[in-house]
N, C-alpha and C. Protein backbone atom coordinates (compact mmCIF):
# COMPACT_ATOMS: atom_id res chain seq x y z
N MET A 1 1.32 66.08 -184.39
CA MET A 1 0.87 67.26 -184.55
C MET A 1 -0.12 67.41 -183.20
N GLU A 2 -0.01 67.55 -182.27
CA GLU A 2 -1.26 68.24 -181.04
C GLU A 2 -2.21 69.28 -181.43
N GLU A 3 -3.45 68.75 -181.04
CA GLU A 3 -4.33 69.78 -181.29
C GLU A 3 -4.76 70.40 -179.83
N GLU A 4 -5.24 71.70 -179.68
CA GLU A 4 -5.65 72.20 -178.14
C GLU A 4 -6.39 71.17 -177.75
N GLY A 5 -7.24 70.77 -178.24
CA GLY A 5 -8.42 69.85 -177.68
C GLY A 5 -7.43 68.34 -177.25
N ASP A 6 -6.53 68.05 -177.77
CA ASP A 6 -5.16 67.56 -176.88
C ASP A 6 -4.73 67.77 -175.39
N ASP A 7 -4.48 68.75 -175.54
CA ASP A 7 -4.25 69.61 -174.17
C ASP A 7 -5.12 69.69 -173.24
N VAL A 8 -6.45 69.69 -174.04
CA VAL A 8 -7.36 70.11 -172.59
C VAL A 8 -7.15 68.76 -172.18
N ALA A 9 -7.68 67.38 -172.86
CA ALA A 9 -7.62 66.33 -172.55
C ALA A 9 -6.64 65.93 -171.34
N VAL A 10 -5.54 65.94 -171.90
CA VAL A 10 -4.16 65.54 -171.25
C VAL A 10 -4.31 66.36 -169.62
N THR A 11 -4.48 67.56 -169.76
CA THR A 11 -4.50 68.48 -168.31
C THR A 11 -5.82 68.37 -167.20
N ALA A 12 -6.96 67.70 -167.99
CA ALA A 12 -7.87 67.03 -167.35
C ALA A 12 -7.56 65.70 -166.76
N LYS A 13 -7.00 64.76 -167.46
CA LYS A 13 -6.70 63.50 -166.84
C LYS A 13 -5.33 64.23 -165.36
N VAL A 14 -4.51 65.04 -165.87
CA VAL A 14 -3.55 65.14 -164.52
C VAL A 14 -4.04 66.04 -164.03
N HIS A 15 -5.10 66.39 -163.74
CA HIS A 15 -6.00 67.08 -162.63
C HIS A 15 -6.89 66.22 -162.10
N GLY A 16 -7.58 65.64 -162.73
CA GLY A 16 -8.69 64.44 -162.25
C GLY A 16 -7.60 63.26 -161.07
N PHE A 17 -6.56 63.08 -161.49
CA PHE A 17 -5.58 62.16 -160.80
C PHE A 17 -4.97 62.79 -159.72
N ASP A 18 -4.18 63.91 -159.94
CA ASP A 18 -3.84 64.35 -158.99
C ASP A 18 -4.02 65.58 -158.28
N ARG A 19 -5.55 65.47 -157.76
CA ARG A 19 -6.38 65.76 -156.91
C ARG A 19 -6.24 65.57 -155.56
N TYR A 20 -6.42 66.87 -154.79
CA TYR A 20 -6.65 66.50 -153.36
C TYR A 20 -8.13 66.00 -153.12
N ASP A 21 -8.80 64.93 -152.46
CA ASP A 21 -9.77 65.07 -152.00
C ASP A 21 -10.44 65.55 -150.69
N VAL A 22 -10.93 67.00 -150.85
CA VAL A 22 -10.91 67.40 -149.95
C VAL A 22 -12.40 67.28 -148.72
N ALA A 23 -13.11 66.62 -149.52
CA ALA A 23 -14.19 65.53 -148.73
C ALA A 23 -14.48 64.38 -148.22
N GLU A 24 -13.31 63.79 -148.29
CA GLU A 24 -13.12 62.61 -148.01
C GLU A 24 -11.98 62.58 -147.29
N ARG A 25 -10.80 63.54 -147.42
CA ARG A 25 -9.73 64.10 -145.90
C ARG A 25 -10.64 64.14 -144.97
N CYS A 26 -11.12 64.77 -145.17
CA CYS A 26 -12.66 65.71 -143.91
C CYS A 26 -13.25 64.89 -143.02
N LYS A 27 -13.89 63.61 -144.06
CA LYS A 27 -14.34 62.37 -143.32
C LYS A 27 -13.10 61.69 -142.71
N GLU A 28 -12.38 61.33 -143.23
CA GLU A 28 -10.81 60.85 -142.57
C GLU A 28 -10.65 61.51 -141.31
N LEU A 29 -10.36 62.82 -141.06
CA LEU A 29 -10.31 63.49 -139.96
C LEU A 29 -11.34 63.10 -138.80
N MET A 30 -12.53 62.85 -139.37
CA MET A 30 -13.53 63.43 -138.47
C MET A 30 -13.80 62.03 -137.53
N ARG A 31 -13.51 60.78 -138.74
CA ARG A 31 -13.45 59.46 -138.21
C ARG A 31 -12.16 59.61 -136.48
N ARG A 32 -11.38 59.88 -137.26
CA ARG A 32 -9.72 60.37 -136.40
C ARG A 32 -10.06 60.72 -134.76
N LEU A 33 -10.96 61.86 -135.23
CA LEU A 33 -10.93 62.86 -134.40
C LEU A 33 -12.15 62.19 -132.88
N SER A 34 -12.91 61.09 -133.87
CA SER A 34 -13.67 60.95 -133.06
C SER A 34 -13.10 59.59 -132.22
N ALA A 35 -12.15 58.89 -132.71
CA ALA A 35 -11.78 57.79 -131.88
C ALA A 35 -10.58 58.37 -130.78
N SER A 36 -10.07 59.88 -130.84
CA SER A 36 -8.82 59.72 -130.38
C SER A 36 -9.42 60.04 -128.90
N SER A 37 -8.63 59.96 -127.74
CA SER A 37 -9.05 59.93 -126.42
C SER A 37 -8.64 61.33 -125.69
N GLY A 38 -7.28 61.47 -126.16
CA GLY A 38 -6.45 62.51 -125.43
C GLY A 38 -7.31 63.91 -125.69
N SER A 39 -7.23 64.93 -125.07
CA SER A 39 -7.66 66.09 -124.78
C SER A 39 -7.19 66.77 -125.56
N SER A 40 -5.40 66.70 -125.74
CA SER A 40 -4.60 67.80 -126.93
C SER A 40 -4.41 67.11 -128.27
N PRO A 41 -4.87 68.24 -129.10
CA PRO A 41 -5.00 67.55 -130.82
C PRO A 41 -3.70 67.61 -131.17
N GLN A 42 -3.30 66.13 -131.24
CA GLN A 42 -2.23 65.75 -132.30
C GLN A 42 -2.15 65.77 -133.67
N TRP A 43 -3.53 66.11 -133.98
CA TRP A 43 -4.00 66.12 -135.36
C TRP A 43 -3.99 67.52 -136.32
N LYS A 44 -3.72 68.37 -135.04
CA LYS A 44 -3.67 69.64 -135.70
C LYS A 44 -2.80 70.03 -136.87
N TRP A 45 -1.89 69.09 -137.44
CA TRP A 45 -1.11 69.69 -138.49
C TRP A 45 -1.78 69.20 -139.35
N ASP A 46 -2.66 68.05 -139.33
CA ASP A 46 -3.81 67.45 -140.33
C ASP A 46 -4.84 68.94 -141.17
N ILE A 47 -5.31 68.91 -139.68
CA ILE A 47 -6.64 69.75 -139.86
C ILE A 47 -6.04 71.93 -140.56
N LEU A 48 -4.92 71.95 -140.36
CA LEU A 48 -3.66 73.05 -141.37
C LEU A 48 -3.93 72.90 -142.39
N GLU A 49 -3.75 71.15 -142.72
CA GLU A 49 -3.59 70.64 -143.99
C GLU A 49 -4.67 70.81 -145.36
N LEU A 50 -5.74 70.08 -144.10
CA LEU A 50 -6.77 70.47 -144.95
C LEU A 50 -7.18 71.35 -144.78
N MET A 51 -7.31 72.34 -143.89
CA MET A 51 -8.10 73.90 -144.26
C MET A 51 -7.23 75.19 -145.50
N GLU A 52 -6.07 74.47 -145.41
CA GLU A 52 -4.71 75.15 -146.70
C GLU A 52 -5.29 74.21 -147.90
N GLU A 53 -5.46 73.52 -148.26
CA GLU A 53 -5.95 72.90 -149.39
C GLU A 53 -7.60 73.15 -149.84
N SER A 54 -8.21 73.37 -148.68
CA SER A 54 -9.40 73.75 -149.25
C SER A 54 -9.48 75.12 -149.52
N HIS A 55 -9.19 75.98 -149.25
CA HIS A 55 -8.83 77.24 -149.43
C HIS A 55 -8.07 77.28 -150.58
N HIS A 56 -6.86 76.69 -150.77
CA HIS A 56 -6.50 76.44 -151.99
C HIS A 56 -7.08 76.16 -153.55
N GLN A 57 -8.34 75.17 -153.23
CA GLN A 57 -9.74 74.71 -154.19
C GLN A 57 -10.62 75.78 -154.42
N LEU A 58 -10.95 76.78 -153.01
CA LEU A 58 -11.98 77.70 -153.38
C LEU A 58 -11.20 78.76 -154.29
N ARG A 59 -10.11 78.90 -154.04
CA ARG A 59 -9.43 79.96 -154.73
C ARG A 59 -9.14 79.53 -156.40
N ASP A 60 -9.24 78.35 -156.41
CA ASP A 60 -9.09 77.83 -157.90
C ASP A 60 -10.60 78.11 -158.45
N ILE A 61 -11.08 77.61 -157.77
CA ILE A 61 -12.51 77.74 -158.42
C ILE A 61 -13.18 79.52 -158.68
N ARG A 62 -12.73 80.01 -157.40
CA ARG A 62 -12.94 81.70 -158.44
C ARG A 62 -12.14 81.76 -159.54
N GLN A 63 -10.78 81.72 -159.60
CA GLN A 63 -10.59 81.98 -160.24
C GLN A 63 -10.90 81.49 -161.89
N VAL A 64 -11.30 80.39 -162.27
CA VAL A 64 -11.41 79.47 -163.03
C VAL A 64 -13.02 80.29 -163.75
N HIS A 65 -13.39 80.74 -162.75
CA HIS A 65 -15.09 81.59 -163.24
C HIS A 65 -15.04 82.70 -163.26
N SER A 66 -13.61 83.74 -162.63
CA SER A 66 -13.58 85.20 -162.94
C SER A 66 -13.53 85.51 -164.27
N ASP A 67 -12.67 85.20 -165.07
CA ASP A 67 -12.51 85.27 -166.60
C ASP A 67 -14.08 84.75 -167.23
N PRO A 68 -14.58 85.93 -167.97
CA PRO A 68 -16.11 85.38 -168.75
C PRO A 68 -15.33 84.82 -170.61
N ASP A 69 -14.27 85.09 -170.40
CA ASP A 69 -13.69 84.26 -171.81
C ASP A 69 -12.53 82.70 -171.69
N ARG A 70 -13.37 82.09 -170.30
CA ARG A 70 -12.74 81.03 -170.47
C ARG A 70 -14.24 79.96 -170.18
N GLY A 71 -13.50 78.71 -170.16
CA GLY A 71 -14.60 77.83 -170.09
C GLY A 71 -16.28 77.86 -170.23
N ILE A 72 -16.82 77.12 -169.95
CA ILE A 72 -18.02 77.41 -169.96
C ILE A 72 -18.94 78.37 -170.51
N TRP A 73 -17.78 79.62 -169.53
CA TRP A 73 -18.63 80.70 -169.76
C TRP A 73 -18.20 81.64 -171.29
N GLN A 74 -16.95 80.91 -171.94
CA GLN A 74 -17.13 81.79 -173.23
C GLN A 74 -17.98 80.86 -173.87
N GLU A 75 -18.77 79.74 -174.05
CA GLU A 75 -19.15 78.87 -174.63
C GLU A 75 -20.57 79.53 -174.79
N LEU A 76 -20.98 79.43 -173.20
CA LEU A 76 -22.11 80.28 -173.35
C LEU A 76 -22.37 81.68 -174.37
N GLN A 77 -21.54 82.63 -174.13
CA GLN A 77 -21.45 83.69 -174.66
C GLN A 77 -21.24 83.54 -176.20
N GLY A 78 -20.41 82.30 -176.52
CA GLY A 78 -20.74 82.18 -177.88
C GLY A 78 -22.03 81.73 -178.40
N ALA A 79 -22.52 80.83 -178.06
CA ALA A 79 -23.60 80.13 -178.55
C ALA A 79 -24.48 81.35 -178.17
N VAL A 80 -25.20 82.54 -177.48
CA VAL A 80 -26.09 83.24 -177.58
C VAL A 80 -25.38 84.69 -177.95
N GLY A 81 -24.29 84.63 -178.15
CA GLY A 81 -23.82 85.85 -178.98
C GLY A 81 -23.49 86.11 -180.54
N ASN A 82 -23.38 85.09 -181.00
CA ASN A 82 -23.61 84.74 -182.48
C ASN A 82 -24.90 84.45 -183.03
N GLU A 83 -25.01 85.58 -183.52
CA GLU A 83 -26.41 85.69 -184.27
C GLU A 83 -26.65 84.30 -184.78
N HIS A 84 -25.97 83.34 -186.02
CA HIS A 84 -26.45 82.46 -186.41
C HIS A 84 -26.74 80.89 -185.66
N THR A 85 -25.77 80.86 -184.20
CA THR A 85 -25.75 79.87 -183.52
C THR A 85 -27.06 80.09 -182.68
N ALA A 86 -27.03 81.58 -182.15
CA ALA A 86 -28.08 81.40 -181.16
C ALA A 86 -29.68 81.51 -181.91
N SER A 87 -30.09 81.91 -183.25
CA SER A 87 -31.15 81.51 -183.85
C SER A 87 -31.32 79.84 -184.23
N THR A 88 -30.48 79.66 -183.92
CA THR A 88 -31.13 77.34 -184.16
C THR A 88 -31.11 77.50 -182.41
N LEU A 89 -30.99 78.05 -181.36
CA LEU A 89 -31.29 77.77 -180.54
C LEU A 89 -32.90 77.33 -180.27
N PRO A 90 -33.62 76.69 -179.12
CA PRO A 90 -35.18 76.74 -178.95
C PRO A 90 -35.05 78.20 -178.22
N VAL A 91 -35.95 78.81 -178.01
CA VAL A 91 -36.08 80.13 -177.01
C VAL A 91 -36.16 80.32 -175.75
N SER A 92 -36.28 79.34 -174.93
CA SER A 92 -36.57 79.08 -173.60
C SER A 92 -35.24 78.85 -173.26
N LEU A 93 -34.26 77.90 -174.20
CA LEU A 93 -32.88 77.61 -173.89
C LEU A 93 -31.97 78.61 -174.27
N ARG A 94 -31.98 79.47 -175.07
CA ARG A 94 -31.72 81.03 -175.37
C ARG A 94 -31.57 81.94 -174.32
N LYS A 95 -32.87 81.96 -174.03
CA LYS A 95 -33.31 82.81 -172.64
C LYS A 95 -32.62 82.50 -171.36
N GLN A 96 -32.66 81.46 -171.05
CA GLN A 96 -31.79 80.58 -169.89
C GLN A 96 -30.43 80.84 -170.25
N CYS A 97 -29.89 80.75 -171.18
CA CYS A 97 -28.36 81.27 -171.30
C CYS A 97 -28.31 82.33 -171.27
N GLU A 98 -29.26 83.18 -171.34
CA GLU A 98 -28.72 84.44 -171.00
C GLU A 98 -29.20 85.19 -169.84
N GLU A 99 -29.81 84.60 -169.14
CA GLU A 99 -29.96 85.00 -167.55
C GLU A 99 -28.43 84.34 -166.94
N ILE A 100 -28.48 83.12 -167.14
CA ILE A 100 -27.19 82.58 -166.69
C ILE A 100 -25.76 83.68 -167.06
N LEU A 101 -25.64 84.18 -167.90
CA LEU A 101 -24.39 85.05 -168.29
C LEU A 101 -24.91 86.27 -167.32
N GLU A 102 -26.06 86.90 -167.24
CA GLU A 102 -26.42 88.02 -166.62
C GLU A 102 -26.15 87.65 -165.16
N ARG A 103 -26.27 86.63 -164.61
CA ARG A 103 -26.34 86.18 -163.15
C ARG A 103 -24.84 86.38 -162.53
N ARG A 104 -24.11 85.87 -164.10
CA ARG A 104 -22.50 85.36 -163.42
C ARG A 104 -21.70 86.48 -162.28
N LYS A 105 -22.06 88.04 -162.37
CA LYS A 105 -21.38 88.83 -161.70
C LYS A 105 -21.91 88.37 -160.24
N ILE A 106 -23.36 88.22 -160.10
CA ILE A 106 -24.16 88.31 -158.84
C ILE A 106 -23.59 87.28 -158.13
N TRP A 107 -23.56 85.86 -158.82
CA TRP A 107 -23.03 84.36 -158.30
C TRP A 107 -21.17 84.70 -157.79
N LEU A 108 -20.63 85.67 -158.83
CA LEU A 108 -19.16 85.65 -158.47
C LEU A 108 -18.91 86.72 -156.93
N GLY A 109 -20.02 87.69 -157.15
CA GLY A 109 -19.96 88.58 -155.71
C GLY A 109 -20.39 87.22 -154.44
N ASP A 110 -21.12 86.98 -154.47
CA ASP A 110 -21.63 86.14 -152.96
C ASP A 110 -20.70 85.00 -153.17
N PHE A 111 -19.89 84.58 -154.01
CA PHE A 111 -18.74 83.67 -154.14
C PHE A 111 -17.68 84.26 -153.22
N ASP A 112 -17.56 85.47 -153.58
CA ASP A 112 -16.69 86.42 -152.73
C ASP A 112 -16.69 86.56 -151.31
N THR A 113 -17.97 86.64 -151.11
CA THR A 113 -18.48 86.74 -150.16
C THR A 113 -18.09 85.93 -148.73
N GLU A 114 -18.71 84.79 -149.52
CA GLU A 114 -18.82 83.23 -148.65
C GLU A 114 -17.10 82.88 -148.74
N LEU A 115 -16.23 83.15 -149.55
CA LEU A 115 -15.12 82.99 -149.41
C LEU A 115 -14.43 83.85 -148.52
N THR A 116 -14.40 84.74 -148.39
CA THR A 116 -13.56 86.28 -147.41
C THR A 116 -14.72 85.64 -145.82
N ALA A 117 -15.40 85.35 -145.79
CA ALA A 117 -16.10 84.75 -144.50
C ALA A 117 -15.28 83.54 -143.96
N ILE A 118 -14.98 82.42 -144.92
CA ILE A 118 -14.55 81.20 -145.02
C ILE A 118 -13.33 81.35 -144.69
N LEU A 119 -12.62 82.37 -145.26
CA LEU A 119 -11.15 82.51 -144.87
C LEU A 119 -10.92 83.36 -143.84
N ALA A 120 -11.59 84.14 -143.08
CA ALA A 120 -11.73 84.62 -141.90
C ALA A 120 -11.48 83.84 -140.82
N ARG A 121 -12.70 83.02 -141.01
CA ARG A 121 -13.17 81.63 -140.13
C ARG A 121 -11.97 80.80 -139.65
N GLY A 122 -11.26 80.92 -141.02
CA GLY A 122 -10.06 79.95 -140.88
C GLY A 122 -9.30 80.47 -140.60
N LYS A 123 -8.66 81.76 -140.26
CA LYS A 123 -7.72 82.44 -139.68
C LYS A 123 -7.77 82.21 -138.16
N GLU A 124 -9.16 82.58 -137.95
CA GLU A 124 -9.44 82.42 -136.44
C GLU A 124 -8.85 81.26 -135.94
N VAL A 125 -9.35 79.94 -136.12
CA VAL A 125 -9.09 78.31 -136.32
C VAL A 125 -7.83 78.49 -136.09
N ARG A 126 -6.97 78.54 -137.50
CA ARG A 126 -5.72 78.56 -137.56
C ARG A 126 -4.46 79.13 -136.10
N GLU A 127 -5.52 80.25 -136.11
CA GLU A 127 -4.86 80.61 -134.87
C GLU A 127 -4.51 79.83 -133.49
N ARG A 128 -5.93 79.77 -133.41
CA ARG A 128 -6.09 78.70 -131.87
C ARG A 128 -5.84 77.26 -132.36
N LEU A 129 -5.23 76.90 -133.30
CA LEU A 129 -4.84 75.81 -133.27
C LEU A 129 -3.24 75.50 -132.68
N LEU A 130 -2.90 77.06 -133.83
CA LEU A 130 -1.23 77.43 -133.40
C LEU A 130 -0.93 77.69 -131.95
N PHE A 131 -1.73 78.42 -131.93
CA PHE A 131 -1.00 79.38 -130.54
C PHE A 131 -1.21 79.55 -129.24
N GLU A 132 -3.01 78.95 -128.78
CA GLU A 132 -3.73 79.06 -127.94
C GLU A 132 -3.06 77.50 -127.33
N ASP A 133 -3.75 77.23 -125.81
CA ASP A 133 -3.57 76.29 -125.04
C ASP A 133 -4.00 75.05 -125.38
N MET A 134 -3.38 73.85 -126.29
CA MET A 134 -3.91 72.91 -126.93
C MET A 134 -4.55 71.73 -125.44
N ASP A 135 -3.92 72.21 -124.42
CA ASP A 135 -4.60 71.11 -122.68
C ASP A 135 -5.90 71.35 -122.37
N ARG A 136 -6.45 72.50 -122.59
CA ARG A 136 -7.83 73.05 -122.07
C ARG A 136 -8.68 72.09 -122.80
N ALA A 137 -9.78 71.62 -121.82
CA ALA A 137 -10.92 70.77 -122.54
C ALA A 137 -11.82 71.11 -123.42
N SER A 138 -12.58 70.43 -123.65
CA SER A 138 -13.53 70.91 -125.31
C SER A 138 -12.95 71.66 -126.17
N TRP A 139 -11.53 71.49 -126.54
CA TRP A 139 -11.11 72.93 -127.23
C TRP A 139 -12.02 72.88 -128.47
N PHE A 140 -11.96 71.45 -129.36
CA PHE A 140 -12.69 71.72 -130.85
C PHE A 140 -14.14 72.58 -130.56
N SER A 141 -14.58 71.74 -129.54
CA SER A 141 -16.14 72.35 -129.78
C SER A 141 -16.15 73.68 -129.31
N ALA A 142 -15.64 73.93 -128.76
CA ALA A 142 -15.48 75.63 -128.66
C ALA A 142 -14.87 76.50 -129.78
N ALA A 143 -14.48 75.69 -130.88
CA ALA A 143 -13.69 75.94 -132.13
C ALA A 143 -15.09 76.19 -133.25
N GLY A 144 -15.79 75.43 -133.01
CA GLY A 144 -17.11 75.46 -134.13
C GLY A 144 -17.98 76.08 -133.85
């Protein structure tokens, strides 16, 4: 009989294995871009894929942290919310946990603001990649 902890471990292993490494993919793309000599971006689909996956992972991060009754937020709330458990914590640690929980909504708001800005800029870049004349010189330097 499997326990809930076993499911979490299996899920973590699957996510760890089947994960798109955005940072590594970005480095690979930058190497290819610096080595290319043509003026027309043959790599636009790679950039679009990287942007799409990056946006997807940012949304996943937001989703994971949006519910205070999940993950680390649930653990922190349980630690300071339970009088017995809270009384066993050092005072400074308990205060830090309470402060982190209080700031969660502020951090989520800041994250949402940044995510909205990233998505808007990504939409502009996507439109340029798909619809503008690809033969114009210095396209990529004008996009950033």
